[in-house]
Protein backbone atom coordinates (compact mmCIF):
# COMPACT_ATOMS: atom_id res chain seq x y z
CA MET A 1 -40.34 -37.46 50.47
CA ILE A 2 -40.20 -33.70 50.69
CA LYS A 3 -42.66 -31.47 48.81
CA SER A 4 -42.81 -27.75 48.57
CA LYS A 5 -45.63 -26.11 50.45
CA TYR A 6 -46.39 -23.76 47.57
CA PRO A 7 -44.76 -25.37 44.56
CA LEU A 8 -43.95 -22.98 41.74
CA PHE A 9 -42.72 -25.68 39.34
CA GLN A 10 -43.06 -29.42 39.65
CA SER A 11 -40.73 -32.02 38.26
CA PRO A 12 -42.04 -34.75 35.96
CA ALA A 13 -41.53 -37.12 38.86
CA GLU A 14 -43.86 -35.07 41.06
CA GLN A 15 -46.48 -34.89 38.38
CA ALA A 16 -46.46 -38.68 38.20
CA GLY A 17 -46.86 -38.89 41.99
CA LYS A 18 -43.43 -40.38 42.49
CA CYS A 19 -40.69 -39.59 44.96
CA LEU A 20 -38.48 -36.67 43.87
CA LEU A 21 -34.91 -37.94 43.89
CA SER A 22 -32.93 -36.01 41.33
CA ASN A 23 -29.56 -34.36 40.80
CA HIS A 24 -31.05 -31.75 38.48
CA PRO A 25 -31.74 -28.25 39.83
CA TRP A 26 -35.30 -27.14 40.42
CA ILE A 27 -37.05 -24.20 42.09
CA TYR A 28 -38.75 -24.86 45.46
CA ARG A 29 -40.44 -22.92 48.22
CA TRP A 30 -39.10 -24.54 51.35
CA LYS A 31 -39.63 -23.54 54.98
CA GLY A 32 -41.00 -20.11 54.15
CA ARG A 33 -38.21 -19.29 51.69
CA LEU A 34 -38.12 -19.19 47.89
CA CYS A 35 -35.06 -21.18 46.89
CA LEU A 36 -33.14 -21.56 43.62
CA PHE A 37 -31.20 -24.62 42.58
CA GLY A 38 -32.21 -27.14 45.23
CA ASN A 39 -31.41 -30.85 44.94
CA VAL A 40 -33.43 -33.49 46.80
CA GLN A 41 -30.97 -35.97 48.27
CA SER A 42 -31.46 -39.72 48.65
CA ASP A 43 -32.05 -39.25 52.38
CA GLY A 44 -35.10 -37.12 51.67
CA LYS A 45 -33.44 -33.83 52.68
CA LEU A 46 -33.47 -30.75 50.50
CA ARG A 47 -30.09 -29.15 49.90
CA LEU A 48 -30.39 -25.40 49.07
CA PHE A 49 -27.84 -23.73 46.78
CA LYS A 50 -29.13 -20.20 46.98
CA ASP A 51 -31.84 -18.32 48.86
CA VAL A 52 -33.51 -15.89 46.53
CA LEU A 53 -36.46 -14.32 48.31
CA SER A 54 -38.03 -14.75 51.77
CA ASP A 55 -41.77 -15.15 52.35
CA LYS A 56 -41.42 -12.38 54.87
CA SER A 57 -41.22 -9.97 51.98
CA PRO A 58 -44.59 -8.21 51.62
CA TYR A 59 -44.32 -8.60 47.84
CA THR A 60 -44.25 -12.40 47.91
CA ALA A 61 -46.66 -12.79 50.82
CA HIS A 62 -49.34 -10.41 49.65
CA CYS A 63 -48.76 -9.52 46.00
CA PRO A 64 -49.45 -12.37 43.54
CA MET A 65 -48.21 -10.31 40.55
CA MET A 66 -44.84 -9.72 42.20
CA SER A 67 -44.58 -13.39 43.04
CA MET A 68 -45.15 -14.14 39.35
CA ARG A 69 -42.40 -11.68 38.30
CA ALA A 70 -39.97 -13.21 40.75
CA SER A 71 -40.84 -16.65 39.46
CA LEU A 72 -40.19 -15.61 35.83
CA ILE A 73 -36.82 -14.13 36.78
CA LEU A 74 -35.88 -17.30 38.60
CA LEU A 75 -36.97 -19.45 35.69
CA THR A 76 -34.83 -17.41 33.28
CA LEU A 77 -31.81 -17.71 35.57
CA PHE A 78 -32.44 -21.43 35.83
CA PHE A 79 -32.35 -22.03 32.10
CA LEU A 80 -29.31 -19.78 31.53
CA THR A 81 -27.41 -21.53 34.28
CA SER A 82 -28.46 -24.94 33.01
CA CYS A 83 -27.15 -24.07 29.53
CA ARG A 84 -23.88 -22.85 30.97
CA LYS A 85 -23.55 -26.00 33.06
CA ASP A 86 -23.91 -28.12 29.91
CA GLU A 87 -21.14 -26.14 28.22
CA GLU A 88 -18.69 -26.15 31.07
CA THR A 89 -17.10 -29.50 30.19
CA VAL A 90 -16.06 -31.23 26.99
CA ALA A 91 -14.12 -34.34 26.04
CA PRO A 92 -11.56 -34.60 23.22
CA VAL A 93 -12.78 -36.01 19.92
CA LYS A 94 -11.06 -37.67 16.99
CA GLY A 95 -11.31 -35.76 13.75
CA SER A 96 -9.49 -33.84 11.03
CA ILE A 97 -7.90 -30.46 11.68
CA THR A 98 -6.46 -27.91 9.29
CA GLU A 99 -4.00 -25.21 10.28
CA SER A 100 -4.28 -22.14 8.11
CA VAL A 101 -3.48 -18.44 7.95
CA TYR A 102 -6.27 -15.93 7.43
CA ALA A 103 -5.92 -13.31 4.73
CA SER A 104 -8.21 -10.70 3.24
CA GLY A 105 -7.93 -9.06 -0.12
CA LYS A 106 -9.55 -8.33 -3.44
CA ILE A 107 -9.95 -9.64 -6.97
CA LEU A 108 -7.97 -7.98 -9.77
CA ALA A 109 -8.26 -8.39 -13.52
CA GLU A 110 -5.18 -9.30 -15.53
CA ASN A 111 -2.86 -6.27 -15.87
CA GLN A 112 -5.37 -4.14 -13.97
CA TYR A 113 -4.05 -0.66 -13.23
CA VAL A 114 -5.20 2.86 -12.38
CA VAL A 115 -4.61 5.47 -15.08
CA TYR A 116 -2.77 8.62 -13.93
CA PRO A 117 -1.68 11.62 -16.04
CA VAL A 118 2.01 12.49 -16.20
CA VAL A 119 1.41 16.24 -16.41
CA SER A 120 -1.02 18.75 -14.96
CA GLY A 121 -3.54 20.51 -17.12
CA LEU A 122 -7.08 20.75 -18.40
CA LEU A 123 -8.66 17.52 -19.60
CA VAL A 124 -9.71 18.45 -23.14
CA GLN A 125 -10.68 14.99 -24.45
CA VAL A 126 -12.23 11.93 -22.78
CA LEU A 127 -12.29 9.30 -25.52
CA ARG A 128 -13.52 6.21 -23.62
CA SER A 129 -16.44 5.30 -21.33
CA PRO A 130 -16.86 2.51 -18.76
CA GLY A 131 -17.32 -0.83 -20.49
CA ASP A 132 -15.49 0.16 -23.70
CA SER A 133 -12.93 -2.25 -25.12
CA VAL A 134 -9.41 -0.92 -25.67
CA ALA A 135 -6.19 -2.18 -27.23
CA GLU A 136 -2.68 -1.44 -26.04
CA GLY A 137 -1.68 2.02 -27.27
CA ASP A 138 -5.23 3.36 -27.75
CA THR A 139 -5.71 6.99 -26.72
CA LEU A 140 -7.84 7.35 -23.59
CA PHE A 141 -7.47 11.01 -22.60
CA VAL A 142 -5.88 14.19 -23.91
CA VAL A 143 -4.66 17.00 -21.64
CA ASP A 144 -4.33 20.58 -22.94
CA ASN A 145 -0.84 20.83 -24.50
CA VAL A 146 -0.69 24.18 -26.35
CA THR A 147 2.43 25.33 -24.51
CA SER A 148 4.11 21.97 -25.02
CA ASN A 149 3.44 22.10 -28.76
CA LEU A 150 5.00 25.56 -29.01
CA ASN A 151 8.09 24.38 -27.14
CA SER A 152 8.36 21.40 -29.44
CA ALA A 153 8.10 23.61 -32.55
CA ASN A 154 10.79 25.95 -31.21
CA ALA A 155 13.13 23.03 -30.48
CA HIS A 156 12.59 21.65 -33.97
CA ALA A 157 13.37 25.04 -35.58
CA LEU A 158 16.62 25.36 -33.63
CA LEU A 159 17.62 21.82 -34.60
CA ASP A 160 16.99 22.59 -38.26
CA LEU A 161 19.11 25.77 -38.07
CA ASN A 162 22.07 24.03 -36.45
CA GLU A 163 21.96 21.21 -38.96
CA LYS A 164 22.12 23.74 -41.81
CA LEU A 165 25.02 25.61 -40.20
CA GLY A 166 26.93 22.39 -39.60
CA ARG A 167 26.38 20.98 -43.07
CA SER A 168 29.46 20.91 -45.31
CA GLY A 169 29.31 23.80 -47.76
CA SER A 170 27.43 26.10 -45.43
CA SER A 171 28.38 29.76 -45.67
CA ARG A 172 29.92 29.81 -42.23
CA LEU A 173 32.13 26.79 -42.81
CA GLU A 174 32.93 27.81 -46.40
CA GLU A 175 34.25 31.17 -45.24
CA MET A 176 36.50 29.54 -42.66
CA GLU A 177 37.74 26.92 -45.11
CA ILE A 178 38.73 29.74 -47.54
CA ALA A 179 40.67 31.44 -44.76
CA VAL A 180 42.49 28.19 -44.00
CA ASN A 181 43.37 27.62 -47.64
CA THR A 182 44.63 31.23 -48.02
CA ALA A 183 46.77 30.91 -44.92
CA LYS A 184 48.14 27.61 -46.18
CA GLU A 185 49.08 29.08 -49.59
CA LYS A 186 50.88 31.98 -47.92
CA TYR A 187 52.66 29.54 -45.66
CA LEU A 188 53.87 27.51 -48.64
CA PHE A 189 55.01 30.64 -50.46
CA ASP A 190 56.91 31.99 -47.44
CA SER A 191 58.40 28.55 -46.90
CA THR A 192 59.78 28.55 -50.45
CA GLN A 193 61.15 32.11 -50.10
CA CYS A 194 62.84 31.26 -46.82
CA ALA A 195 64.48 28.18 -48.27
CA ARG A 196 65.75 30.15 -51.35
CA GLN A 197 67.17 32.91 -49.16
CA THR A 198 68.90 30.34 -46.98
CA ARG A 199 70.64 28.77 -49.99
CA LEU A 200 71.79 32.25 -51.18
CA TRP A 201 73.14 33.05 -47.75
CA GLN A 202 75.10 29.81 -47.78
CA LYS A 203 76.71 31.03 -51.02
CA GLU A 204 77.36 34.39 -49.30
CA ILE A 205 74.80 36.09 -51.47
CA GLY A 206 72.51 38.61 -49.87
CA SER A 207 72.46 40.14 -46.43
CA ARG A 208 71.76 38.69 -43.01
CA LEU A 209 68.76 41.00 -42.64
CA GLU A 210 67.08 39.62 -45.76
CA LEU A 211 67.47 36.09 -44.43
CA GLU A 212 65.94 36.96 -41.08
CA GLN A 213 63.01 38.74 -42.77
CA LYS A 214 62.29 35.65 -44.88
CA GLU A 215 62.49 33.37 -41.85
CA LEU A 216 60.15 35.63 -39.85
CA ALA A 217 57.61 35.79 -42.68
CA PHE A 218 57.73 32.01 -42.95
CA GLN A 219 57.16 31.54 -39.21
CA VAL A 220 54.26 34.01 -39.10
CA SER A 221 52.47 32.47 -42.08
CA LYS A 222 52.92 29.01 -40.57
CA GLU A 223 51.29 30.07 -37.29
CA GLN A 224 48.48 31.85 -39.14
CA TRP A 225 47.75 28.73 -41.18
CA GLN A 226 47.72 26.53 -38.09
CA ALA A 227 45.47 28.98 -36.26
CA ALA A 228 42.99 29.11 -39.14
CA ALA A 229 42.86 25.31 -39.33
CA ALA A 230 42.31 25.08 -35.56
CA ARG A 231 39.46 27.61 -35.73
CA LEU A 232 37.83 25.56 -38.47
CA ASP A 233 38.08 22.34 -36.44
CA GLN A 234 36.72 24.07 -33.33
CA THR A 235 33.80 25.53 -35.27
CA LYS A 236 32.94 22.12 -36.71
CA LEU A 237 33.02 20.58 -33.21
CA GLN A 238 30.91 23.39 -31.81
CA LEU A 239 28.32 22.99 -34.56
CA ALA A 240 28.19 19.24 -34.02
CA THR A 241 27.64 19.82 -30.31
CA GLU A 242 24.86 22.32 -31.02
CA ILE A 243 23.20 19.86 -33.34
CA ARG A 244 23.33 17.15 -30.66
CA ARG A 245 21.91 19.48 -28.02
CA SER A 246 19.15 20.54 -30.39
CA GLU A 247 18.28 16.89 -31.06
CA ILE A 248 18.06 16.21 -27.34
CA ASN A 249 15.91 19.29 -26.68
CA TYR A 250 13.64 18.35 -29.53
CA ALA A 251 13.31 14.78 -28.24
CA ILE A 252 12.50 16.10 -24.76
CA SER A 253 9.88 18.47 -26.09
CA THR A 254 8.38 15.72 -28.25
CA LYS A 255 8.29 13.38 -25.27
CA GLY A 256 6.69 16.16 -23.25
CA SER A 257 4.01 16.49 -25.91
CA SER A 258 3.31 12.75 -25.80
CA ASP A 259 2.82 13.00 -22.04
CA PHE A 260 -0.30 15.03 -22.73
CA VAL A 261 -1.78 12.09 -24.64
CA ILE A 262 -2.69 9.26 -22.23
CA ARG A 263 -2.78 5.81 -23.83
CA SER A 264 -3.78 2.34 -22.67
CA LYS A 265 -0.97 0.09 -21.44
CA THR A 266 -2.86 -3.16 -22.06
CA ASP A 267 -5.60 -4.85 -24.01
CA GLY A 268 -8.84 -5.01 -22.07
CA ILE A 269 -11.78 -2.87 -21.07
CA ILE A 270 -12.40 0.39 -19.24
CA TYR A 271 -13.84 -0.51 -15.85
CA ASP A 272 -14.42 3.04 -14.66
CA VAL A 273 -13.78 6.68 -15.60
CA TYR A 274 -13.51 9.22 -12.80
CA TYR A 275 -13.18 12.58 -14.61
CA GLU A 276 -15.02 14.42 -17.35
CA ARG A 277 -13.96 16.86 -20.05
CA ASN A 278 -12.73 20.35 -18.99
CA GLU A 279 -11.81 19.23 -15.48
CA LEU A 280 -8.36 20.05 -14.06
CA VAL A 281 -6.11 17.05 -13.45
CA THR A 282 -2.71 16.52 -11.84
CA PRO A 283 -0.24 13.59 -11.71
CA GLN A 284 -1.93 12.55 -8.44
CA THR A 285 -5.37 12.36 -10.11
CA ALA A 286 -6.76 8.89 -10.83
CA LEU A 287 -8.50 9.09 -14.21
CA ALA A 288 -9.70 5.54 -14.87
CA VAL A 289 -9.29 1.82 -14.18
CA VAL A 290 -8.24 -0.48 -17.03
CA GLY A 291 -7.83 -4.26 -17.00
CA ASN A 292 -8.12 -7.42 -19.05
CA PRO A 293 -11.13 -9.56 -18.04
CA ALA A 294 -9.68 -12.65 -19.72
CA THR A 295 -8.26 -13.81 -16.37
CA PHE A 296 -8.45 -12.71 -12.74
CA HIS A 297 -6.15 -13.17 -9.78
CA LEU A 298 -6.20 -12.47 -6.05
CA GLU A 299 -4.26 -9.83 -4.17
CA LEU A 300 -4.20 -10.79 -0.48
CA GLN A 301 -2.84 -9.04 2.60
CA VAL A 302 -1.11 -11.26 5.17
CA ASP A 303 -0.11 -10.00 8.60
CA GLU A 304 3.61 -9.81 9.33
CA TYR A 305 3.09 -12.26 12.21
CA ASP A 306 2.21 -15.02 9.72
CA ILE A 307 4.22 -14.13 6.61
CA ALA A 308 7.15 -16.45 7.41
CA LYS A 309 4.78 -19.42 6.99
CA ILE A 310 3.67 -18.44 3.48
CA HIS A 311 5.34 -19.54 0.24
CA GLY A 312 4.45 -20.20 -3.37
CA GLY A 313 2.37 -23.26 -4.22
CA GLN A 314 0.31 -23.36 -1.01
CA GLN A 315 -3.40 -24.08 -1.27
CA VAL A 316 -5.85 -21.23 -0.65
CA LEU A 317 -9.52 -21.64 0.27
CA ILE A 318 -11.46 -18.60 -0.89
CA THR A 319 -14.89 -17.20 0.00
CA MET A 320 -16.58 -14.17 -1.56
CA ASP A 321 -19.70 -12.18 -0.80
CA ILE A 322 -20.60 -12.25 -4.50
CA HIS A 323 -20.73 -16.07 -4.29
CA LYS A 324 -22.09 -16.64 -0.79
CA GLY A 325 -21.95 -20.16 0.55
CA GLU A 326 -19.37 -21.31 -1.99
CA ILE A 327 -15.69 -22.11 -1.42
CA PHE A 328 -13.16 -21.85 -4.23
CA GLU A 329 -9.66 -23.24 -4.39
CA GLY A 330 -6.60 -21.21 -5.29
CA VAL A 331 -2.82 -21.44 -5.17
CA ILE A 332 -0.18 -18.94 -4.02
CA THR A 333 1.85 -17.57 -6.94
CA SER A 334 4.03 -14.87 -5.34
CA VAL A 335 4.91 -13.32 -1.99
CA SER A 336 6.11 -9.73 -1.76
CA PRO A 337 9.57 -9.47 -0.16
CA ILE A 338 8.82 -6.11 1.50
CA MET A 339 6.27 -5.11 4.11
CA ASN A 340 3.82 -2.27 3.68
CA GLU A 341 4.77 -0.04 6.61
CA ARG A 342 1.40 1.69 6.63
CA THR A 343 -0.65 -1.50 7.00
CA GLY A 344 1.92 -3.78 8.61
CA SER A 345 1.13 -6.51 6.08
CA PHE A 346 2.65 -8.24 3.05
CA LYS A 347 1.11 -8.54 -0.41
CA VAL A 348 0.51 -12.13 -1.48
CA GLU A 349 -0.83 -13.00 -4.94
CA ALA A 350 -2.81 -16.12 -5.82
CA ASP A 351 -4.63 -17.62 -8.81
CA PHE A 352 -7.88 -19.55 -8.94
CA VAL A 353 -7.59 -23.25 -9.71
CA VAL A 354 -11.08 -23.19 -11.22
CA PRO A 355 -12.46 -19.63 -11.23
CA PRO A 356 -16.20 -18.98 -10.83
CA ASP A 357 -18.19 -17.96 -13.87
CA ALA A 358 -18.71 -14.36 -12.71
CA LEU A 359 -15.94 -12.25 -11.20
CA PHE A 360 -15.72 -8.50 -10.67
CA PRO A 361 -12.55 -6.44 -10.11
CA ASN A 362 -11.98 -4.98 -6.65
CA SER A 363 -14.65 -7.23 -5.06
CA THR A 364 -13.51 -8.39 -1.62
CA VAL A 365 -12.46 -11.91 -0.68
CA GLU A 366 -11.55 -13.75 2.48
CA ALA A 367 -9.06 -16.57 2.28
CA ASN A 368 -7.48 -19.25 4.40
CA ILE A 369 -3.99 -20.27 3.30
CA VAL A 370 -3.63 -23.95 4.22
CA LEU A 371 -0.40 -24.69 6.10
CA GLN A 372 -1.02 -28.28 7.31
CA ARG A 373 -3.85 -30.81 7.49
CA LYS A 374 -4.10 -33.92 9.66
CA GLU A 375 -6.71 -36.67 9.81
CA SER A 376 -7.71 -38.60 12.98
CA ALA A 377 -6.22 -36.03 15.35
CA LEU A 378 -7.26 -35.66 18.99
CA ILE A 379 -9.03 -32.28 19.04
CA ILE A 380 -10.41 -29.95 21.70
CA PRO A 381 -12.01 -26.49 21.36
CA ARG A 382 -9.43 -23.75 21.51
CA ARG A 383 -11.43 -21.77 24.07
CA PHE A 384 -10.78 -24.56 26.58
CA VAL A 385 -7.02 -23.97 26.38
CA GLU A 386 -5.42 -21.40 28.66
CA ASP A 387 -2.10 -19.73 27.87
CA GLU A 388 -1.74 -21.94 24.77
CA LYS A 389 -0.82 -25.08 26.79
CA PHE A 390 -2.99 -25.58 29.89
CA VAL A 391 -6.41 -27.23 30.33
CA TYR A 392 -8.59 -27.66 33.44
CA ILE A 393 -9.49 -31.22 34.45
CA SER A 394 -11.67 -29.81 37.23
CA GLU A 395 -12.93 -26.39 38.14
CA ASN A 396 -9.68 -25.60 39.97
CA ASP A 397 -7.03 -28.06 38.72
CA ARG A 398 -5.19 -27.54 35.47
CA ILE A 399 -2.61 -29.64 33.65
CA GLU A 400 -0.13 -28.90 30.89
CA ILE A 401 -0.62 -30.44 27.45
CA VAL A 402 1.44 -30.62 24.29
CA THR A 403 -0.39 -29.10 21.34
CA GLY A 404 0.05 -29.60 17.62
CA LEU A 405 -1.94 -28.00 14.81
CA LYS A 406 -4.13 -25.04 15.65
CA ASN A 407 -6.80 -23.04 13.93
CA TYR A 408 -9.26 -20.42 15.03
CA ASP A 409 -11.63 -22.89 16.74
CA GLN A 410 -9.67 -26.05 17.47
CA VAL A 411 -6.39 -27.33 18.88
CA GLU A 412 -4.76 -30.70 18.36
CA VAL A 413 -3.62 -32.47 21.54
CA LEU A 414 -0.41 -34.45 21.08
CA SER A 415 0.02 -35.59 24.68
CA GLY A 416 -1.00 -34.84 28.26
CA LEU A 417 -4.73 -35.58 27.90
CA GLU A 418 -6.63 -38.84 27.50
CA ALA A 419 -9.29 -39.27 24.83
CA ASP A 420 -12.06 -39.84 27.42
CA GLN A 421 -10.91 -37.22 29.92
CA LYS A 422 -13.26 -34.27 30.37
CA ILE A 423 -11.95 -30.73 30.61
CA TYR A 424 -13.48 -27.51 31.93
CA LEU A 425 -13.68 -24.01 30.63
CA PRO A 426 -10.91 -21.85 32.10
CA PRO A 427 -12.21 -19.47 34.77
CA VAL A 428 -12.80 -15.89 33.81
CA LYS A 429 -9.85 -13.75 34.89
């Protein structure tokens, strides 16, 4: 039996006065040297793993305090190394494994949206406060619209004028209709005179000049009548066009006026109001958040690497900081077909199966979208797998395995590894 000359720590076997035969590491002072991780062999010889400090050092030979510090350091190293040694190997276990995709997101109320103005201007009325109930169509804000009202009034006046001018019996149309009727009467008269003169000429009564004069008068009056009728038709068309244009301008100006009145798009409540009266706003200014608290849903962001695995109807396991320690179940309802280029993710929406009693819009959630689940699978920790398919059966030898389901912590082994076969942590590269 071998004992240390100046033992720093004694094993339980030594304390009992028995022979020290152990495979566990201990700290010894042997042959004038302070040694770490020595094993006493069955032949009574001490095998040394590492020399730490020699007794020739003046600090260990003559300074008790330094010897104590060195001992504490060695003891710390001993325990750390012992813990690491326990974690270096593991054997596969039978158990359940779930493969899922991680997603983060937030909670939204039904029809929740951010209120933006359509026009720029001074906010002259703020008619709702956070927490107020609203119905669809209720006025929330009013932006200064003096100029818009004047434009609308001007468009209405022009429309009214054109409608009066285009109305049958208006002075403008009446004057042109009289001109058409006069031209028509002259045309009929000249037509009769021309026909009479033609009959006389056929009976060789009258001169050729008289006939030509009657024919010319008839032709001129005919053209004048046709021209007057054409001018009347053109004027009517022009007035109709002006009326239509005035109606459009008036509608545009009226719509422009309504843009200055901002109304709710849904039934619900005001969750927040960001601006106060007499502040300047633009179409890029968020004024408020409105939503219906009757129901809530989830808006999740899924990385483009995983989006091909996601589809409607999949189960979602949800955790929230506002309900710590609880897990809620949800189901995927829709997957956006286009990626957000800024974030590199896709929007995925989900509903709660049974929602918690208290939910708050825009509160954050973390979710795992369940892809597959298997019971009684052969499982190993994922950190023991190298390059997604290799495990170490000794400190230096590795073998290839076939893996199945995977999650953040665990990997299913389909083949290549026995249930009782220990594996080692991959070496640090």
